[in-house]
Every structure is written in C-alpha cells, then in structure tokens.
C-alpha atoms as a PDB file:
ATOM      1  CA  MET A   1      20.508 -41.520   4.595  1.00  0.00           C
ATOM      2  CA  ASP A   2      18.258 -38.460   4.727  1.00  0.00           C
ATOM      3  CA  ILE A   3      19.739 -35.755   6.937  1.00  0.00           C
ATOM      4  CA  PHE A   4      16.485 -33.795   7.002  1.00  0.00           C
ATOM      5  CA  ASN A   5      14.506 -36.530   8.767  1.00  0.00           C
ATOM      6  CA  ASP A   6      16.320 -35.878  12.052  1.00  0.00           C
ATOM      7  CA  LYS A   7      14.841 -32.372  12.394  1.00  0.00           C
ATOM      8  CA  LYS A   8      11.407 -31.962  13.935  1.00  0.00           C
ATOM      9  CA  LYS A   9       9.184 -29.189  12.661  1.00  0.00           C
ATOM     10  CA  VAL A  10       7.239 -27.227  15.228  1.00  0.00           C
ATOM     11  CA  SER A  11       4.302 -25.286  13.823  1.00  0.00           C
ATOM     12  CA  PRO A  12       1.450 -23.251  15.288  1.00  0.00           C
ATOM     13  CA  PRO A  13      -1.854 -25.076  15.887  1.00  0.00           C
ATOM     14  CA  SER A  14      -3.444 -23.589  12.774  1.00  0.00           C
ATOM     15  CA  GLN A  15      -0.625 -24.981  10.600  1.00  0.00           C
ATOM     16  CA  SER A  16      -0.721 -28.576  11.889  1.00  0.00           C
ATOM     17  CA  SER A  17      -3.386 -30.009   9.567  1.00  0.00           C
ATOM     18  CA  PRO A  18      -3.216 -29.954   5.778  1.00  0.00           C
ATOM     19  CA  ILE A  19      -5.124 -27.307   3.823  1.00  0.00           C
ATOM     20  CA  SER A  20      -8.079 -28.866   2.029  1.00  0.00           C
ATOM     21  CA  SER A  21      -9.185 -25.847  -0.055  1.00  0.00           C
ATOM     22  CA  ILE A  22      -7.601 -22.668  -1.400  1.00  0.00           C
ATOM     23  CA  ILE A  23      -9.340 -19.583  -2.745  1.00  0.00           C
ATOM     24  CA  GLY A  24      -6.727 -18.285  -5.200  1.00  0.00           C
ATOM     25  CA  GLN A  25      -5.274 -14.789  -5.351  1.00  0.00           C
ATOM     26  CA  ASP A  26      -7.105 -14.000  -8.603  1.00  0.00           C
ATOM     27  CA  MET A  27     -10.509 -15.147  -7.270  1.00  0.00           C
ATOM     28  CA  VAL A  28     -13.377 -13.027  -5.925  1.00  0.00           C
ATOM     29  CA  LEU A  29     -16.142 -14.906  -4.143  1.00  0.00           C
ATOM     30  CA  THR A  30     -19.421 -13.176  -3.316  1.00  0.00           C
ATOM     31  CA  GLY A  31     -21.676 -15.005  -0.883  1.00  0.00           C
ATOM     32  CA  ASP A  32     -21.502 -16.947   2.371  1.00  0.00           C
ATOM     33  CA  LEU A  33     -19.058 -19.821   2.733  1.00  0.00           C
ATOM     34  CA  GLU A  34     -19.147 -22.775   5.147  1.00  0.00           C
ATOM     35  CA  PHE A  35     -16.278 -25.227   5.545  1.00  0.00           C
ATOM     36  CA  LYS A  36     -15.623 -28.228   7.792  1.00  0.00           C
ATOM     37  CA  SER A  37     -11.865 -28.459   7.398  1.00  0.00           C
ATOM     38  CA  LYS A  38      -8.943 -26.091   6.816  1.00  0.00           C
ATOM     39  CA  ILE A  39      -9.194 -23.417   4.143  1.00  0.00           C
ATOM     40  CA  GLN A  40      -6.706 -20.838   2.900  1.00  0.00           C
ATOM     41  CA  ILE A  41      -7.923 -17.563   1.411  1.00  0.00           C
ATOM     42  CA  ASP A  42      -5.508 -15.811  -0.947  1.00  0.00           C
ATOM     43  CA  GLY A  43      -8.184 -13.852  -2.838  1.00  0.00           C
ATOM     44  CA  ASN A  44     -11.211 -11.730  -1.898  1.00  0.00           C
ATOM     45  CA  ILE A  45     -14.430 -12.814  -0.214  1.00  0.00           C
ATOM     46  CA  ASN A  46     -17.493 -10.610   0.153  1.00  0.00           C
ATOM     47  CA  GLY A  47     -19.673 -12.578   2.541  1.00  0.00           C
ATOM     48  CA  ASN A  48     -19.748 -14.397   5.863  1.00  0.00           C
ATOM     49  CA  LEU A  49     -17.562 -17.395   6.641  1.00  0.00           C
ATOM     50  CA  LYS A  50     -18.214 -20.218   9.091  1.00  0.00           C
ATOM     51  CA  GLY A  51     -15.990 -23.209   9.626  1.00  0.00           C
ATOM     52  CA  VAL A  52     -13.185 -24.976  11.433  1.00  0.00           C
ATOM     53  CA  THR A  53      -9.758 -23.556  10.484  1.00  0.00           C
ATOM     54  CA  LEU A  54      -9.102 -20.455   8.373  1.00  0.00           C
ATOM     55  CA  VAL A  55      -5.789 -19.107   7.117  1.00  0.00           C
ATOM     56  CA  LEU A  56      -6.061 -15.669   5.510  1.00  0.00           C
ATOM     57  CA  SER A  57      -2.876 -14.965   3.550  1.00  0.00           C
ATOM     58  CA  ALA A  58      -1.293 -11.515   3.141  1.00  0.00           C
ATOM     59  CA  SER A  59      -3.000 -11.095  -0.237  1.00  0.00           C
ATOM     60  CA  GLY A  60      -6.396 -12.181   1.152  1.00  0.00           C
ATOM     61  CA  ARG A  61      -9.267  -9.892   2.085  1.00  0.00           C
ATOM     62  CA  ILE A  62     -12.621 -10.687   3.682  1.00  0.00           C
ATOM     63  CA  VAL A  63     -15.525  -8.265   3.898  1.00  0.00           C
ATOM     64  CA  GLY A  64     -17.981 -10.027   6.209  1.00  0.00           C
ATOM     65  CA  ASP A  65     -18.266 -11.792   9.537  1.00  0.00           C
ATOM     66  CA  ILE A  66     -16.179 -14.859  10.396  1.00  0.00           C
ATOM     67  CA  GLU A  67     -16.922 -17.670  12.840  1.00  0.00           C
ATOM     68  CA  ALA A  68     -14.277 -20.399  13.163  1.00  0.00           C
ATOM     69  CA  GLU A  69     -12.462 -22.547  15.694  1.00  0.00           C
ATOM     70  CA  SER A  70      -9.050 -21.212  14.629  1.00  0.00           C
ATOM     71  CA  ILE A  71      -8.087 -18.207  12.486  1.00  0.00           C
ATOM     72  CA  THR A  72      -4.607 -17.181  11.372  1.00  0.00           C
ATOM     73  CA  CYS A  73      -4.742 -13.737   9.770  1.00  0.00           C
ATOM     74  CA  TYR A  74      -1.978 -12.336   7.571  1.00  0.00           C
ATOM     75  CA  GLY A  75      -4.453 -10.339   5.428  1.00  0.00           C
ATOM     76  CA  LYS A  76      -7.317  -7.889   5.962  1.00  0.00           C
ATOM     77  CA  VAL A  77     -10.733  -8.471   7.554  1.00  0.00           C
ATOM     78  CA  ASP A  78     -13.518  -5.887   7.533  1.00  0.00           C
ATOM     79  CA  GLY A  79     -16.095  -7.544   9.772  1.00  0.00           C
ATOM     80  CA  ASN A  80     -16.682  -9.207  13.117  1.00  0.00           C
ATOM     81  CA  ILE A  81     -14.774 -12.303  14.229  1.00  0.00           C
ATOM     82  CA  LYS A  82     -15.881 -15.017  16.643  1.00  0.00           C
ATOM     83  CA  ALA A  83     -13.176 -17.635  17.109  1.00  0.00           C
ATOM     84  CA  GLY A  84     -11.779 -20.116  19.590  1.00  0.00           C
ATOM     85  CA  SER A  85      -8.312 -18.776  18.750  1.00  0.00           C
ATOM     86  CA  LEU A  86      -7.160 -15.830  16.646  1.00  0.00           C
ATOM     87  CA  PHE A  87      -3.550 -15.405  15.550  1.00  0.00           C
ATOM     88  CA  LEU A  88      -3.152 -11.910  14.082  1.00  0.00           C
ATOM     89  CA  LYS A  89       0.176 -11.732  12.288  1.00  0.00           C
ATOM     90  CA  LYS A  90       2.280  -8.605  11.676  1.00  0.00           C
ATOM     91  CA  SER A  91       0.803  -8.022   8.206  1.00  0.00           C
ATOM     92  CA  GLY A  92      -2.756  -8.667   9.424  1.00  0.00           C
ATOM     93  CA  VAL A  93      -5.481  -6.030   9.813  1.00  0.00           C
ATOM     94  CA  VAL A  94      -8.844  -6.576  11.509  1.00  0.00           C
ATOM     95  CA  ASN A  95     -11.511  -3.859  11.481  1.00  0.00           C
ATOM     96  CA  GLY A  96     -14.391  -5.087  13.634  1.00  0.00           C
ATOM     97  CA  ARG A  97     -15.437  -6.702  16.889  1.00  0.00           C
ATOM     98  CA  VAL A  98     -13.433  -9.741  18.010  1.00  0.00           C
ATOM     99  CA  GLU A  99     -14.703 -12.392  20.427  1.00  0.00           C
ATOM    100  CA  THR A 100     -12.201 -15.111  21.305  1.00  0.00           C
ATOM    101  CA  SER A 101     -10.811 -17.083  24.227  1.00  0.00           C
ATOM    102  CA  ASP A 102      -7.269 -17.113  22.778  1.00  0.00           C
ATOM    103  CA  LEU A 103      -5.851 -13.978  21.126  1.00  0.00           C
ATOM    104  CA  SER A 104      -2.315 -13.536  19.836  1.00  0.00           C
ATOM    105  CA  VAL A 105      -1.245 -10.324  18.067  1.00  0.00           C
ATOM    106  CA  GLU A 106       2.242 -10.021  16.604  1.00  0.00           C
ATOM    107  CA  SER A 107       3.994  -6.677  16.725  1.00  0.00           C
ATOM    108  CA  GLY A 108       2.770  -4.753  13.678  1.00  0.00           C
ATOM    109  CA  GLY A 109      -0.632  -6.449  13.551  1.00  0.00           C
ATOM    110  CA  VAL A 110      -3.546  -3.977  13.504  1.00  0.00           C
ATOM    111  CA  LEU A 111      -6.761  -4.537  15.445  1.00  0.00           C
ATOM    112  CA  ASN A 112      -9.354  -1.754  15.200  1.00  0.00           C
ATOM    113  CA  GLY A 113     -12.459  -2.522  17.225  1.00  0.00           C
ATOM    114  CA  GLU A 114     -13.826  -4.068  20.365  1.00  0.00           C
ATOM    115  CA  ILE A 115     -12.252  -7.148  21.928  1.00  0.00           C
ATOM    116  CA  LYS A 116     -14.307  -9.517  24.059  1.00  0.00           C
ATOM    117  CA  SER A 117     -12.728 -12.470  25.804  1.00  0.00           C
ATOM    118  CA  SER A 118     -15.053 -15.451  26.024  1.00  0.00           C
ATOM    119  CA  GLN A 119     -13.331 -16.582  29.264  1.00  0.00           C
ATOM    120  CA  GLN A 120     -13.529 -13.077  30.757  1.00  0.00           C
ATOM    121  CA  THR A 121     -17.317 -13.107  30.476  1.00  0.00           C
ATOM    122  CA  ALA A 122     -17.504 -16.378  32.432  1.00  0.00           C
ATOM    123  CA  ASP A 123     -15.109 -15.081  35.106  1.00  0.00           C
ATOM    124  CA  LEU A 124     -17.107 -11.886  35.593  1.00  0.00           C
ATOM    125  CA  LYS A 125     -20.260 -13.858  36.333  1.00  0.00           C
ATOM    126  CA  VAL A 126     -18.490 -15.860  39.058  1.00  0.00           C
ATOM    127  CA  VAL A 127     -17.145 -12.706  40.758  1.00  0.00           C
ATOM    128  CA  LYS A 128     -20.544 -11.023  40.541  1.00  0.00           C
ATOM    129  CA  ASP A 129     -22.219 -13.965  42.307  1.00  0.00           C
ATOM    130  CA  LEU A 130     -19.839 -13.925  45.321  1.00  0.00           C
ATOM    131  CA  PRO A 131     -21.407 -12.905  48.650  1.00  0.00           C
ATOM    132  CA  ALA A 132     -20.622  -9.360  49.868  1.00  0.00           C
ATOM    133  CA  ALA A 133     -18.789 -10.720  52.958  1.00  0.00           C
ATOM    134  CA  VAL A 134     -16.282 -12.534  50.770  1.00  0.00           C
ATOM    135  CA  THR A 135     -15.606  -9.583  48.485  1.00  0.00           C
ATOM    136  CA  ALA A 136     -15.151  -7.246  51.469  1.00  0.00           C
ATOM    137  CA  LYS A 137     -12.227  -9.295  52.853  1.00  0.00           C
ATOM    138  CA  VAL A 138      -9.604  -7.841  50.520  1.00  0.00           C
ATOM    139  CA  PRO A 139      -6.363  -7.179  52.445  1.00  0.00           C
ATOM    140  CA  GLU A 140      -5.050  -3.619  52.371  1.00  0.00           C
ATOM    141  CA  PHE A 141      -1.452  -2.853  51.501  1.00  0.00           C
ATOM    142  CA  GLN A 142       0.534  -1.173  54.244  1.00  0.00           C
ATOM    143  CA  LYS A 143       2.973   1.588  53.440  1.00  0.00           C
ATOM    144  CA  ALA A 144       6.577   0.872  54.341  1.00  0.00           C
END
C-alpha cells in the first residue's frame, strides 16, 4: 500500500505539463529560440524567444524579447514580454515592457517597465464607443 498515492498535488498552470527541454545552468545560447512545448531555462540566453510555455529558473537570465502563452519567471529578463499569462515569482526580475492578460507578481518580485493589459485595451474601446447619453447617466453620490 502506497500512502503517497492518496495525496493530490495541486500545481500552477505552468507546472502542469512535463518539461521537454532544459537549457542548463552552464550554457550560454546566443540567437533566437522557438519552441512548441515547455522549456526550462537555467542558463543564459542572448536573443528572442517565442513559444508555448517558459519556466525561467532563479539562475536563468534572458537578454531579449519573449513571446509565449505562459511564462513563470524566477530569474532575470532584460527585454519585452508578451504573454497570455506571466507569473513573476519573488526572486524574479523583469526590466522591460510587459503585455499580458493575466499577471501575477509575488511579494519581492521586481517589475521595472510599462505594463499593458491585453483585456484592458479591449475594454477601453467598448467604453469609448458608448453614446454620450449613456456615459452622462452616472449617478452622483449624496453626502450623508
């Protein structure tokens, strides 16, 4: 009887699928990288990345732009990020513009740059297109 089988593991979305490739801690890659699965970066990359799921470990560093569906960042990024979801962990540092519809920053995580919400842009267009009569009907608060 295995007592560990009774426990269910709950993990963040970026941790649910197995890692298919790892760039080791002692590796330096110069050039652009495209991936169609989940990759973990423990070393250094000087170039742009485009793919599905990226996990940047605490020892990892990327100098370049990143475009991915999901990014979990424990390391350092010097470049712009465009992602469906970005999980910036407490050891993570991002220096650059971030565009995402789902942003999570743990206490201690550092984000230096502009943040643009993909959903916010869509919502602003809807509000802008409303007729003036509708926008003028905002109730006023009365003082007690």
